[in-house]
N, C-alpha and C. Protein backbone atom coordinates (compact mmCIF):
# COMPACT_ATOMS: atom_id res chain seq x y z
N MET A 1 0.72 -1.10 0.28
CA MET A 1 -0.50 0.23 -0.18
C MET A 1 1.20 0.93 -0.37
N ARG A 2 0.67 2.19 -0.86
CA ARG A 2 1.21 3.82 -1.46
C ARG A 2 0.56 4.82 -0.11
N VAL A 3 0.92 5.23 0.54
CA VAL A 3 0.37 6.93 1.30
C VAL A 3 1.07 7.63 0.22
N GLN A 4 0.31 9.00 -0.29
CA GLN A 4 1.46 9.72 -0.59
C GLN A 4 1.54 10.98 0.77
N TYR A 5 2.62 11.24 0.22
CA TYR A 5 3.48 12.23 1.26
C TYR A 5 2.67 13.24 1.38
N GLU A 6 2.10 13.96 1.18
CA GLU A 6 0.80 14.99 1.81
C GLU A 6 0.08 14.35 2.97
N ASP A 7 -0.47 12.84 2.12
CA ASP A 7 -1.56 12.83 3.55
C ASP A 7 -0.35 12.04 4.95
N LEU A 8 0.69 11.00 4.47
CA LEU A 8 0.81 11.18 5.28
C LEU A 8 1.88 12.10 6.70
N LEU A 9 2.02 13.34 5.62
CA LEU A 9 2.10 14.52 6.59
C LEU A 9 1.11 15.16 6.93
N ALA A 10 0.01 15.50 6.79
CA ALA A 10 -0.82 15.76 7.50
C ALA A 10 -1.04 15.14 8.72
N LYS A 11 -1.34 14.04 8.64
CA LYS A 11 -1.71 12.55 9.59
C LYS A 11 -1.16 12.90 10.70
N PHE A 12 0.85 13.17 10.71
CA PHE A 12 1.40 13.03 11.67
C PHE A 12 1.22 14.18 12.41
N GLU A 13 0.93 15.27 11.27
CA GLU A 13 0.91 16.80 12.48
C GLU A 13 -0.70 16.79 13.24
N ARG A 14 -1.64 15.94 12.70
CA ARG A 14 -2.55 16.35 13.19
C ARG A 14 -2.32 14.84 14.65
N ILE A 15 -1.76 13.75 14.63
CA ILE A 15 -1.39 13.27 15.43
C ILE A 15 -0.84 13.71 16.18
N LEU A 16 0.53 14.56 16.38
CA LEU A 16 0.91 15.78 17.25
C LEU A 16 0.37 16.29 18.18
N GLU A 17 -0.30 17.54 16.60
CA GLU A 17 -1.48 18.52 17.55
C GLU A 17 -1.71 17.48 19.17
N SER A 18 -2.82 16.63 17.81
CA SER A 18 -3.33 16.05 19.14
C SER A 18 -3.34 15.86 20.95
N ARG A 19 -1.91 15.08 20.30
CA ARG A 19 -0.87 15.07 21.79
C ARG A 19 -0.62 16.21 22.93
N GLY A 20 -0.58 17.81 22.02
CA GLY A 20 -0.14 18.45 22.76
C GLY A 20 1.04 19.55 22.17
N LEU A 21 1.53 19.35 20.99
CA LEU A 21 2.55 20.27 20.60
C LEU A 21 1.33 21.35 19.62
N LYS A 22 2.74 22.39 19.42
CA LYS A 22 2.08 22.67 19.48
C LYS A 22 2.58 22.55 17.88
N LYS A 23 0.96 23.80 17.14
CA LYS A 23 1.03 23.64 15.08
C LYS A 23 2.80 23.73 15.09
N GLU A 24 3.42 23.99 14.83
CA GLU A 24 4.46 25.17 14.24
C GLU A 24 5.69 23.23 14.30
N HIS A 25 5.59 23.19 16.16
CA HIS A 25 6.60 22.15 16.04
C HIS A 25 5.95 21.06 15.62
N ALA A 26 4.46 20.57 16.06
CA ALA A 26 4.04 20.15 14.56
C ALA A 26 4.22 19.33 13.86
N HIS A 27 4.24 20.59 13.57
CA HIS A 27 4.53 20.60 11.46
C HIS A 27 6.18 19.83 11.53
N ALA A 28 6.50 20.71 11.87
CA ALA A 28 8.50 20.64 11.40
C ALA A 28 8.91 19.37 12.26
N ALA A 29 7.73 18.13 13.60
CA ALA A 29 8.30 16.83 14.02
C ALA A 29 7.72 16.20 12.59
N ALA A 30 5.77 16.44 11.87
CA ALA A 30 5.99 15.70 11.02
C ALA A 30 6.75 16.03 9.93
N VAL A 31 7.17 16.35 10.08
CA VAL A 31 7.95 16.26 7.99
C VAL A 31 9.27 15.77 7.98
N VAL A 32 10.02 15.97 9.72
CA VAL A 32 11.11 14.63 10.16
C VAL A 32 10.80 13.63 8.83
N PHE A 33 9.63 13.14 9.58
CA PHE A 33 9.70 11.98 10.13
C PHE A 33 8.84 11.14 8.93
N ALA A 34 8.10 12.22 7.79
CA ALA A 34 7.24 12.28 6.77
C ALA A 34 8.49 11.92 5.96
N GLN A 35 9.43 12.53 6.08
CA GLN A 35 10.64 12.99 4.72
C GLN A 35 11.54 11.56 5.29
N ASN A 36 11.67 11.81 6.47
CA ASN A 36 12.83 10.15 6.58
C ASN A 36 12.11 9.31 5.81
N SER A 37 10.69 9.16 5.65
CA SER A 37 9.80 7.73 5.35
C SER A 37 9.99 8.02 3.78
N LEU A 38 9.49 8.67 3.65
CA LEU A 38 10.12 8.88 1.72
C LEU A 38 11.51 8.48 1.33
N ASP A 39 12.74 9.36 1.35
CA ASP A 39 13.54 8.74 1.93
C ASP A 39 14.51 7.36 1.96
N GLY A 40 13.45 6.89 3.24
CA GLY A 40 13.92 5.27 2.97
C GLY A 40 14.73 5.73 4.59
N ILE A 41 15.04 5.83 5.10
CA ILE A 41 15.66 6.24 6.41
C ILE A 41 14.92 5.40 7.19
N TYR A 42 15.19 4.17 7.51
CA TYR A 42 14.35 3.20 8.30
C TYR A 42 14.32 3.90 9.43
N SER A 43 15.98 3.87 10.20
CA SER A 43 15.66 4.39 12.38
C SER A 43 14.69 5.57 12.11
N HIS A 44 14.61 6.68 11.42
CA HIS A 44 12.87 6.83 12.09
C HIS A 44 12.14 7.49 10.69
N ARG A 45 11.32 6.43 10.61
CA ARG A 45 10.78 6.90 9.78
C ARG A 45 8.82 6.23 10.59
N VAL A 46 8.17 6.36 9.56
CA VAL A 46 7.03 6.07 10.18
C VAL A 46 6.95 4.85 11.12
N ASN A 47 7.42 3.41 11.13
CA ASN A 47 8.55 2.75 12.18
C ASN A 47 8.21 3.07 12.99
N ARG A 48 8.60 4.83 13.63
CA ARG A 48 9.21 4.56 14.77
C ARG A 48 8.11 5.80 15.91
N PHE A 49 7.64 6.46 14.25
CA PHE A 49 6.25 7.34 14.89
C PHE A 49 5.19 6.30 16.10
N PRO A 50 4.94 5.26 16.11
CA PRO A 50 4.36 5.00 17.35
C PRO A 50 5.21 5.11 18.64
N ARG A 51 6.02 4.61 18.81
CA ARG A 51 7.18 4.98 19.64
C ARG A 51 6.82 6.23 20.24
N VAL A 52 7.18 6.95 19.63
CA VAL A 52 6.79 8.44 19.69
C VAL A 52 5.83 8.87 20.11
N VAL A 53 5.13 8.91 19.77
CA VAL A 53 2.99 9.73 20.64
C VAL A 53 3.03 8.47 22.13
N ARG A 54 3.69 7.22 21.87
CA ARG A 54 3.02 6.65 22.94
C ARG A 54 4.65 7.26 23.74
N TYR A 55 5.18 7.43 23.22
CA TYR A 55 5.96 8.72 24.88
C TYR A 55 5.87 9.74 24.66
N LEU A 56 4.94 10.64 24.37
CA LEU A 56 3.92 11.72 24.61
C LEU A 56 3.03 10.80 25.04
N GLU A 57 2.74 10.60 24.98
CA GLU A 57 1.29 9.53 26.03
C GLU A 57 2.10 9.67 27.73
N LYS A 58 2.89 8.75 27.51
CA LYS A 58 3.03 8.38 28.74
C LYS A 58 3.77 9.83 29.36
N GLY A 59 3.69 10.81 29.74
CA GLY A 59 4.54 12.18 29.96
C GLY A 59 6.60 11.63 29.55
N GLU A 60 7.17 11.26 29.11
CA GLU A 60 7.86 10.81 28.53
C GLU A 60 9.16 11.10 27.54
N ILE A 61 8.29 12.45 26.83
CA ILE A 61 8.27 13.73 25.92
C ILE A 61 7.49 14.63 26.68
N ASP A 62 8.00 15.94 26.54
CA ASP A 62 7.44 16.82 26.93
C ASP A 62 6.56 17.72 25.89
N PRO A 63 5.52 17.98 25.35
CA PRO A 63 4.92 18.43 24.09
C PRO A 63 5.18 20.26 24.10
N TYR A 64 5.18 20.51 25.21
CA TYR A 64 5.52 21.67 25.70
C TYR A 64 6.83 22.39 25.29
N ALA A 65 7.71 21.95 25.72
CA ALA A 65 9.88 22.01 25.80
C ALA A 65 9.73 22.69 24.31
N THR A 66 10.46 23.92 24.50
CA THR A 66 10.76 24.17 23.55
C THR A 66 12.61 23.83 23.01
N PRO A 67 13.02 23.18 21.98
CA PRO A 67 14.63 22.68 21.87
C PRO A 67 15.63 23.61 22.14
N GLU A 68 16.52 23.96 22.58
CA GLU A 68 17.22 24.71 21.68
C GLU A 68 19.26 23.90 22.10
N CYS A 69 19.52 24.33 21.16
CA CYS A 69 21.41 24.28 20.95
C CYS A 69 21.71 24.37 22.40
N GLU A 70 23.09 24.46 22.72
CA GLU A 70 23.67 24.12 24.04
C GLU A 70 25.42 24.42 23.30
N VAL A 71 25.41 23.60 22.52
CA VAL A 71 26.44 23.02 22.43
C VAL A 71 26.99 22.63 21.11
N GLN A 72 27.37 23.13 20.11
CA GLN A 72 27.55 22.76 18.56
C GLN A 72 29.23 22.65 18.27
N HIS A 73 29.50 21.59 17.56
CA HIS A 73 30.57 21.18 17.24
C HIS A 73 29.92 20.44 15.94
N GLY A 74 32.01 20.02 14.83
CA GLY A 74 31.94 20.39 13.80
C GLY A 74 32.01 21.59 13.52
N SER A 75 32.33 21.47 11.97
CA SER A 75 32.60 21.99 10.68
C SER A 75 32.19 23.44 11.25
N ASN A 76 30.69 22.98 11.23
CA ASN A 76 29.93 24.84 11.68
C ASN A 76 30.63 25.64 12.86
N GLY A 77 31.82 24.73 13.42
CA GLY A 77 32.67 25.69 15.36
C GLY A 77 32.42 25.30 16.05
N GLU A 78 31.95 25.80 17.53
CA GLU A 78 31.87 25.83 18.62
C GLU A 78 31.32 26.49 18.92
N ARG A 79 29.74 26.46 19.91
CA ARG A 79 29.27 27.57 20.76
C ARG A 79 29.67 27.99 21.94
C-alpha cells in the first residue's frame, strides 16, 4: 500500500497536535518523519512514529518543551 507524502504529513501533524505539540512544532516533527519515510531512512521513519506517540502519552516527551542548541561541534564551529 502506498500513501501520498502530503497525506502522511497531515496525519502525523494531526496526531502530534492532538498530543499537545504546538502547530509549528507538530509540523516540524511531522516533516522529519514523513521526509525520512520518503527517503527510506529506516531508523526514523513511519515505523518509529508510534513509539514517539507513546512517549508523549506517557509523559516521557514533554510536548511543551522547546529545544535549543547548547553545544555545537563540527565544521560549523563551536558555541
